[in-house]
C-alpha atoms as a PDB file:
ATOM      1  CA  MET A   1     -12.875 136.388   3.909  1.00  0.00           C
ATOM      2  CA  LYS A   2     -11.067 135.274   0.769  1.00  0.00           C
ATOM      3  CA  ASN A   3      -7.598 133.826   0.956  1.00  0.00           C
ATOM      4  CA  GLU A   4      -5.343 136.705  -0.148  1.00  0.00           C
ATOM      5  CA  TYR A   5      -2.958 134.315  -1.926  1.00  0.00           C
ATOM      6  CA  LEU A   6      -5.778 133.012  -4.148  1.00  0.00           C
ATOM      7  CA  LYS A   7      -7.149 136.470  -4.879  1.00  0.00           C
ATOM      8  CA  ASP A   8      -4.718 137.394  -7.692  1.00  0.00           C
ATOM      9  CA  ASN A   9      -3.021 134.083  -8.522  1.00  0.00           C
ATOM     10  CA  GLY A  10      -5.157 132.283 -11.055  1.00  0.00           C
ATOM     11  CA  VAL A  11      -6.500 132.266 -14.583  1.00  0.00           C
ATOM     12  CA  PHE A  12     -10.026 133.086 -13.374  1.00  0.00           C
ATOM     13  CA  PRO A  13     -11.155 135.292 -10.493  1.00  0.00           C
ATOM     14  CA  THR A  14     -11.643 133.393  -7.236  1.00  0.00           C
ATOM     15  CA  GLY A  15     -15.403 134.006  -7.026  1.00  0.00           C
ATOM     16  CA  GLU A  16     -17.638 133.884  -3.983  1.00  0.00           C
ATOM     17  CA  VAL A  17     -17.651 131.369  -1.134  1.00  0.00           C
ATOM     18  CA  ASN A  18     -18.992 128.129  -2.615  1.00  0.00           C
ATOM     19  CA  PRO A  19     -22.597 127.405  -1.512  1.00  0.00           C
ATOM     20  CA  PHE A  20     -21.774 123.689  -1.984  1.00  0.00           C
ATOM     21  CA  GLY A  21     -18.783 124.022   0.340  1.00  0.00           C
ATOM     22  CA  LYS A  22     -20.021 121.228   2.608  1.00  0.00           C
ATOM     23  CA  TYR A  23     -18.796 118.789  -0.056  1.00  0.00           C
ATOM     24  CA  PHE A  24     -15.203 120.108   0.150  1.00  0.00           C
ATOM     25  CA  ILE A  25     -12.522 120.060   2.814  1.00  0.00           C
ATOM     26  CA  GLY A  26     -11.697 123.615   3.853  1.00  0.00           C
ATOM     27  CA  THR A  27     -13.086 126.740   2.209  1.00  0.00           C
ATOM     28  CA  SER A  28     -13.882 126.622  -1.489  1.00  0.00           C
ATOM     29  CA  TYR A  29     -14.860 129.413  -3.860  1.00  0.00           C
ATOM     30  CA  LEU A  30     -17.163 129.227  -6.888  1.00  0.00           C
ATOM     31  CA  ASN A  31     -16.889 131.433  -9.963  1.00  0.00           C
ATOM     32  CA  MET A  32     -19.611 130.689 -12.509  1.00  0.00           C
ATOM     33  CA  LEU A  33     -18.176 131.205 -15.994  1.00  0.00           C
ATOM     34  CA  THR A  34     -21.551 130.731 -17.715  1.00  0.00           C
ATOM     35  CA  THR A  35     -25.040 129.707 -16.712  1.00  0.00           C
ATOM     36  CA  GLU A  36     -26.463 129.495 -20.243  1.00  0.00           C
ATOM     37  CA  GLY A  37     -27.159 125.969 -21.482  1.00  0.00           C
ATOM     38  CA  VAL A  38     -24.818 123.821 -19.435  1.00  0.00           C
ATOM     39  CA  GLY A  39     -23.488 125.692 -16.422  1.00  0.00           C
ATOM     40  CA  ILE A  40     -19.703 125.950 -16.251  1.00  0.00           C
ATOM     41  CA  GLY A  41     -17.996 126.976 -13.058  1.00  0.00           C
ATOM     42  CA  ASN A  42     -14.478 127.263 -11.720  1.00  0.00           C
ATOM     43  CA  VAL A  43     -14.013 125.973  -8.160  1.00  0.00           C
ATOM     44  CA  THR A  44     -10.984 127.079  -6.184  1.00  0.00           C
END
Protein backbone atom coordinates (compact mmCIF):
# COMPACT_ATOMS: atom_id res chain seq x y z
CA MET A 1 0.00 0.00 0.00
CA LYS A 2 1.35 3.42 -0.93
CA ASN A 3 2.10 5.98 1.71
CA GLU A 4 -0.87 8.38 1.54
CA TYR A 5 1.35 11.38 2.30
CA LEU A 6 3.53 10.66 -0.75
CA LYS A 7 0.57 10.02 -3.04
CA ASP A 8 -0.22 13.68 -3.87
CA ASN A 9 2.84 15.56 -2.59
CA GLY A 10 5.44 15.57 -5.32
CA VAL A 11 6.36 16.80 -8.77
CA PHE A 12 5.96 13.30 -10.25
CA PRO A 13 3.49 10.56 -9.38
CA THR A 14 4.79 8.13 -6.76
CA GLY A 15 4.82 5.10 -9.08
CA GLU A 16 4.76 1.43 -8.16
CA VAL A 17 6.65 -0.36 -5.39
CA ASN A 18 10.30 -0.40 -6.48
CA PRO A 19 11.42 -3.86 -7.69
CA PHE A 20 14.96 -2.87 -6.57
CA GLY A 21 13.66 -2.07 -3.09
CA LYS A 22 16.15 -4.43 -1.44
CA TYR A 23 18.80 -1.74 -2.04
CA PHE A 24 16.85 0.86 -0.01
CA ILE A 25 15.91 1.22 3.63
CA GLY A 26 12.14 1.13 3.99
CA THR A 27 9.68 1.07 1.10
CA SER A 28 10.63 2.83 -2.11
CA TYR A 29 8.56 3.55 -5.20
CA LEU A 30 9.72 3.73 -8.82
CA ASN A 31 8.13 5.87 -11.51
CA MET A 32 9.81 5.43 -14.89
CA LEU A 33 9.72 8.75 -16.73
CA THR A 34 11.10 7.27 -19.97
CA THR A 35 12.52 3.96 -21.11
CA GLU A 36 13.64 5.13 -24.56
CA GLY A 37 17.41 5.45 -24.99
CA VAL A 38 18.68 5.96 -21.47
CA GLY A 39 16.06 5.03 -18.89
CA ILE A 40 15.11 7.82 -16.50
CA GLY A 41 13.21 7.07 -13.34
CA ASN A 42 12.06 8.91 -10.25
CA VAL A 43 12.55 7.01 -6.98
CA THR A 44 10.57 8.05 -3.94
